[in-house]
Amino acid sequence: MKFLPIFILILVMSSCSSSKQSYTMEDHPDQAIVFGEGGGFAGTVTKYKLYKNGQLFRKMPRKHAFTEMMPIEKTQAEQYFNTVETMGFKNMSCNEPENWYYLLEMENGDNFTKLVWGANSTTATETLKLFCKNLLNVAKKQSEIQSKSDTQ
């Protein structure tokens, strides 16, 4: 009877732990959507990498590595991947960078598609522009995950 409170505590703690599988970028099994914006006088570019499970990574200008951000909901991430499929991303072609530009890339096995466009692009569709801006707005709201070494 005196072990009952300990058992209940262990049960509660295990049920509170996240069941969401977390990966690093190096061992991630999912395909990713890479998106971002950049340019300007300094040529700075911010890139994000979104996986189907909702994990999100960001690479800031002049940084050599991506950092993990708070994930978005898995269902929302899956909707983005479905939208990429629906809008026929693999068949699109757009390479019109300007002083400030946007980018969207996707790697699927041996196939790699990269689109780059500026505000005055004639080949980027309105759907593509809105899709990327929506991704950027969502990603910019996510905060960076603090590593254990940062908090110690």
C-alpha atoms as a PDB file:
ATOM      1  CA  MET A   1       0.000   0.000   0.000  1.00  0.00           C
ATOM      2  CA  LYS A   2       2.860   2.418   0.682  1.00  0.00           C
ATOM      3  CA  PHE A   3       4.118   1.981  -2.911  1.00  0.00           C
ATOM      4  CA  LEU A   4       0.782   3.069  -4.390  1.00  0.00           C
ATOM      5  CA  PRO A   5       1.588   6.836  -4.346  1.00  0.00           C
ATOM      6  CA  ILE A   6       4.952   6.187  -6.039  1.00  0.00           C
ATOM      7  CA  PHE A   7       3.283   3.996  -8.660  1.00  0.00           C
ATOM      8  CA  ILE A   8       0.652   6.676  -9.337  1.00  0.00           C
ATOM      9  CA  LEU A   9       3.353   9.358  -9.615  1.00  0.00           C
ATOM     10  CA  ILE A  10       5.329   7.284 -12.133  1.00  0.00           C
ATOM     11  CA  LEU A  11       2.144   6.572 -14.097  1.00  0.00           C
ATOM     12  CA  VAL A  12       1.211  10.267 -14.234  1.00  0.00           C
ATOM     13  CA  MET A  13       4.718  11.334 -15.237  1.00  0.00           C
ATOM     14  CA  SER A  14       4.900   8.767 -18.024  1.00  0.00           C
ATOM     15  CA  SER A  15       1.504   9.785 -19.381  1.00  0.00           C
ATOM     16  CA  CYS A  16       2.595  13.437 -19.482  1.00  0.00           C
ATOM     17  CA  SER A  17       5.699  12.742 -21.524  1.00  0.00           C
ATOM     18  CA  SER A  18       5.464  13.593 -25.196  1.00  0.00           C
ATOM     19  CA  SER A  19       4.635  10.743 -27.502  1.00  0.00           C
ATOM     20  CA  LYS A  20       5.815  12.809 -30.460  1.00  0.00           C
ATOM     21  CA  GLN A  21       8.941  11.359 -32.062  1.00  0.00           C
ATOM     22  CA  SER A  22      11.698  13.948 -32.368  1.00  0.00           C
ATOM     23  CA  TYR A  23      14.555  13.689 -34.837  1.00  0.00           C
ATOM     24  CA  THR A  24      17.620  15.676 -35.758  1.00  0.00           C
ATOM     25  CA  MET A  25      17.949  16.997 -39.297  1.00  0.00           C
ATOM     26  CA  GLU A  26      20.632  14.394 -39.992  1.00  0.00           C
ATOM     27  CA  ASP A  27      18.478  11.375 -39.107  1.00  0.00           C
ATOM     28  CA  HIS A  28      15.027  12.611 -40.156  1.00  0.00           C
ATOM     29  CA  PRO A  29      13.059  10.030 -42.158  1.00  0.00           C
ATOM     30  CA  ASP A  30      10.575  12.506 -43.657  1.00  0.00           C
ATOM     31  CA  GLN A  31      10.972  14.659 -46.710  1.00  0.00           C
ATOM     32  CA  ALA A  32      11.176  18.387 -46.025  1.00  0.00           C
ATOM     33  CA  ILE A  33       9.914  21.643 -47.428  1.00  0.00           C
ATOM     34  CA  VAL A  34      12.631  24.304 -47.352  1.00  0.00           C
ATOM     35  CA  PHE A  35      11.454  27.889 -47.620  1.00  0.00           C
ATOM     36  CA  GLY A  36      12.782  31.316 -46.874  1.00  0.00           C
ATOM     37  CA  GLU A  37      13.507  34.861 -47.912  1.00  0.00           C
ATOM     38  CA  GLY A  38      16.550  36.985 -48.320  1.00  0.00           C
ATOM     39  CA  GLY A  39      18.724  39.241 -50.350  1.00  0.00           C
ATOM     40  CA  GLY A  40      19.198  42.947 -49.963  1.00  0.00           C
ATOM     41  CA  PHE A  41      22.501  44.798 -49.850  1.00  0.00           C
ATOM     42  CA  ALA A  42      24.114  42.314 -47.447  1.00  0.00           C
ATOM     43  CA  GLY A  43      22.720  39.244 -49.212  1.00  0.00           C
ATOM     44  CA  THR A  44      21.299  37.783 -46.014  1.00  0.00           C
ATOM     45  CA  VAL A  45      19.000  34.762 -46.250  1.00  0.00           C
ATOM     46  CA  THR A  46      16.831  33.115 -43.595  1.00  0.00           C
ATOM     47  CA  LYS A  47      15.799  29.541 -44.376  1.00  0.00           C
ATOM     48  CA  TYR A  48      13.360  27.209 -42.654  1.00  0.00           C
ATOM     49  CA  LYS A  49      13.043  23.453 -42.971  1.00  0.00           C
ATOM     50  CA  LEU A  50       9.670  21.858 -42.195  1.00  0.00           C
ATOM     51  CA  TYR A  51       9.110  18.107 -41.858  1.00  0.00           C
ATOM     52  CA  LYS A  52       5.801  16.210 -42.077  1.00  0.00           C
ATOM     53  CA  ASN A  53       5.812  15.490 -38.341  1.00  0.00           C
ATOM     54  CA  GLY A  54       5.761  19.258 -37.670  1.00  0.00           C
ATOM     55  CA  GLN A  55       9.406  19.667 -36.693  1.00  0.00           C
ATOM     56  CA  LEU A  56      10.757  23.013 -37.820  1.00  0.00           C
ATOM     57  CA  PHE A  57      14.354  24.229 -38.138  1.00  0.00           C
ATOM     58  CA  ARG A  58      15.695  27.710 -38.934  1.00  0.00           C
ATOM     59  CA  LYS A  59      18.989  28.869 -40.406  1.00  0.00           C
ATOM     60  CA  MET A  60      19.698  32.530 -39.752  1.00  0.00           C
ATOM     61  CA  PRO A  61      21.956  34.727 -41.901  1.00  0.00           C
ATOM     62  CA  ARG A  62      25.678  34.170 -41.344  1.00  0.00           C
ATOM     63  CA  LYS A  63      25.021  31.014 -39.302  1.00  0.00           C
ATOM     64  CA  HIS A  64      26.388  27.700 -40.473  1.00  0.00           C
ATOM     65  CA  ALA A  65      23.769  25.428 -38.949  1.00  0.00           C
ATOM     66  CA  PHE A  66      20.027  25.134 -38.538  1.00  0.00           C
ATOM     67  CA  THR A  67      18.535  25.458 -35.040  1.00  0.00           C
ATOM     68  CA  GLU A  68      15.394  23.674 -33.934  1.00  0.00           C
ATOM     69  CA  MET A  69      12.256  25.716 -33.430  1.00  0.00           C
ATOM     70  CA  MET A  70       9.071  24.819 -31.586  1.00  0.00           C
ATOM     71  CA  PRO A  71       7.152  22.407 -33.837  1.00  0.00           C
ATOM     72  CA  ILE A  72       3.895  23.176 -35.540  1.00  0.00           C
ATOM     73  CA  GLU A  73       0.946  20.802 -35.342  1.00  0.00           C
ATOM     74  CA  LYS A  74       1.487  17.631 -37.362  1.00  0.00           C
ATOM     75  CA  THR A  75      -1.869  18.029 -39.116  1.00  0.00           C
ATOM     76  CA  GLN A  76      -0.922  21.562 -40.184  1.00  0.00           C
ATOM     77  CA  ALA A  77       2.450  20.345 -41.511  1.00  0.00           C
ATOM     78  CA  GLU A  78       0.732  17.563 -43.453  1.00  0.00           C
ATOM     79  CA  GLN A  79      -1.629  20.157 -44.983  1.00  0.00           C
ATOM     80  CA  TYR A  80       1.375  22.104 -46.267  1.00  0.00           C
ATOM     81  CA  PHE A  81       2.772  18.969 -47.900  1.00  0.00           C
ATOM     82  CA  ASN A  82      -0.639  18.225 -49.446  1.00  0.00           C
ATOM     83  CA  THR A  83      -0.803  21.781 -50.793  1.00  0.00           C
ATOM     84  CA  VAL A  84       2.634  21.401 -52.397  1.00  0.00           C
ATOM     85  CA  GLU A  85       1.329  18.278 -54.126  1.00  0.00           C
ATOM     86  CA  THR A  86      -1.966  19.904 -55.150  1.00  0.00           C
ATOM     87  CA  MET A  87      -0.379  23.004 -56.690  1.00  0.00           C
ATOM     88  CA  GLY A  88       1.921  20.859 -58.832  1.00  0.00           C
ATOM     89  CA  PHE A  89       5.136  22.134 -57.292  1.00  0.00           C
ATOM     90  CA  LYS A  90       7.306  19.452 -58.939  1.00  0.00           C
ATOM     91  CA  ASN A  91       6.311  20.716 -62.392  1.00  0.00           C
ATOM     92  CA  MET A  92       6.853  24.413 -61.648  1.00  0.00           C
ATOM     93  CA  SER A  93       9.819  26.383 -62.861  1.00  0.00           C
ATOM     94  CA  CYS A  94      10.800  29.767 -61.491  1.00  0.00           C
ATOM     95  CA  ASN A  95      14.241  31.329 -61.224  1.00  0.00           C
ATOM     96  CA  GLU A  96      13.765  35.086 -60.953  1.00  0.00           C
ATOM     97  CA  PRO A  97      15.618  36.350 -57.885  1.00  0.00           C
ATOM     98  CA  GLU A  98      15.586  40.071 -57.319  1.00  0.00           C
ATOM     99  CA  ASN A  99      17.166  42.278 -54.681  1.00  0.00           C
ATOM    100  CA  TRP A 100      14.793  40.688 -52.137  1.00  0.00           C
ATOM    101  CA  TYR A 101      13.563  37.214 -52.988  1.00  0.00           C
ATOM    102  CA  TYR A 102      11.665  34.200 -51.721  1.00  0.00           C
ATOM    103  CA  LEU A 103      12.546  30.545 -52.127  1.00  0.00           C
ATOM    104  CA  LEU A 104      10.812  27.209 -51.894  1.00  0.00           C
ATOM    105  CA  GLU A 105      12.613  23.874 -52.306  1.00  0.00           C
ATOM    106  CA  MET A 106      11.671  20.267 -51.986  1.00  0.00           C
ATOM    107  CA  GLU A 107      13.754  17.148 -52.204  1.00  0.00           C
ATOM    108  CA  ASN A 108      12.047  13.870 -52.878  1.00  0.00           C
ATOM    109  CA  GLY A 109      14.521  11.054 -53.379  1.00  0.00           C
ATOM    110  CA  ASP A 110      16.532  11.894 -56.475  1.00  0.00           C
ATOM    111  CA  ASN A 111      14.174  14.699 -57.509  1.00  0.00           C
ATOM    112  CA  PHE A 112      15.001  18.209 -56.345  1.00  0.00           C
ATOM    113  CA  THR A 113      12.904  21.261 -57.143  1.00  0.00           C
ATOM    114  CA  LYS A 114      13.902  24.793 -56.208  1.00  0.00           C
ATOM    115  CA  LEU A 115      11.912  27.916 -56.983  1.00  0.00           C
ATOM    116  CA  VAL A 116      13.235  31.450 -56.456  1.00  0.00           C
ATOM    117  CA  TRP A 117      11.307  34.643 -57.179  1.00  0.00           C
ATOM    118  CA  GLY A 118      11.134  38.323 -56.369  1.00  0.00           C
ATOM    119  CA  ALA A 119       8.182  40.669 -56.015  1.00  0.00           C
ATOM    120  CA  ASN A 120       8.075  41.407 -59.768  1.00  0.00           C
ATOM    121  CA  SER A 121       8.330  37.786 -60.906  1.00  0.00           C
ATOM    122  CA  THR A 122       6.319  36.917 -64.004  1.00  0.00           C
ATOM    123  CA  THR A 123       6.592  33.139 -63.560  1.00  0.00           C
ATOM    124  CA  ALA A 124       5.715  32.743 -59.859  1.00  0.00           C
ATOM    125  CA  THR A 125       1.991  32.142 -59.479  1.00  0.00           C
ATOM    126  CA  GLU A 126      -0.081  34.010 -56.906  1.00  0.00           C
ATOM    127  CA  THR A 127      -0.766  30.652 -55.234  1.00  0.00           C
ATOM    128  CA  LEU A 128       2.970  30.034 -54.858  1.00  0.00           C
ATOM    129  CA  LYS A 129       3.571  33.536 -53.453  1.00  0.00           C
ATOM    130  CA  LEU A 130       0.721  33.238 -50.930  1.00  0.00           C
ATOM    131  CA  PHE A 131       1.764  29.722 -49.921  1.00  0.00           C
ATOM    132  CA  CYS A 132       5.328  30.801 -49.159  1.00  0.00           C
ATOM    133  CA  LYS A 133       4.233  33.935 -47.274  1.00  0.00           C
ATOM    134  CA  ASN A 134       1.881  31.803 -45.184  1.00  0.00           C
ATOM    135  CA  LEU A 135       4.684  29.364 -44.361  1.00  0.00           C
ATOM    136  CA  LEU A 136       6.968  32.260 -43.403  1.00  0.00           C
ATOM    137  CA  ASN A 137       4.306  33.836 -41.159  1.00  0.00           C
ATOM    138  CA  VAL A 138       3.743  30.550 -39.322  1.00  0.00           C
ATOM    139  CA  ALA A 139       7.478  29.849 -38.957  1.00  0.00           C
ATOM    140  CA  LYS A 140       8.301  33.337 -37.675  1.00  0.00           C
ATOM    141  CA  LYS A 141       5.838  32.862 -34.790  1.00  0.00           C
ATOM    142  CA  GLN A 142       7.653  29.772 -33.511  1.00  0.00           C
ATOM    143  CA  SER A 143      10.275  30.283 -30.847  1.00  0.00           C
ATOM    144  CA  GLU A 144      13.638  28.570 -30.752  1.00  0.00           C
ATOM    145  CA  ILE A 145      13.992  25.462 -28.602  1.00  0.00           C
ATOM    146  CA  GLN A 146      16.579  26.116 -25.928  1.00  0.00           C
ATOM    147  CA  SER A 147      19.217  23.416 -25.751  1.00  0.00           C
ATOM    148  CA  LYS A 148      20.059  21.931 -22.358  1.00  0.00           C
ATOM    149  CA  SER A 149      23.488  23.577 -22.433  1.00  0.00           C
ATOM    150  CA  ASP A 150      21.808  27.002 -22.880  1.00  0.00           C
ATOM    151  CA  THR A 151      19.700  26.554 -19.771  1.00  0.00           C
ATOM    152  CA  GLN A 152      22.463  25.342 -17.471  1.00  0.00           C
END
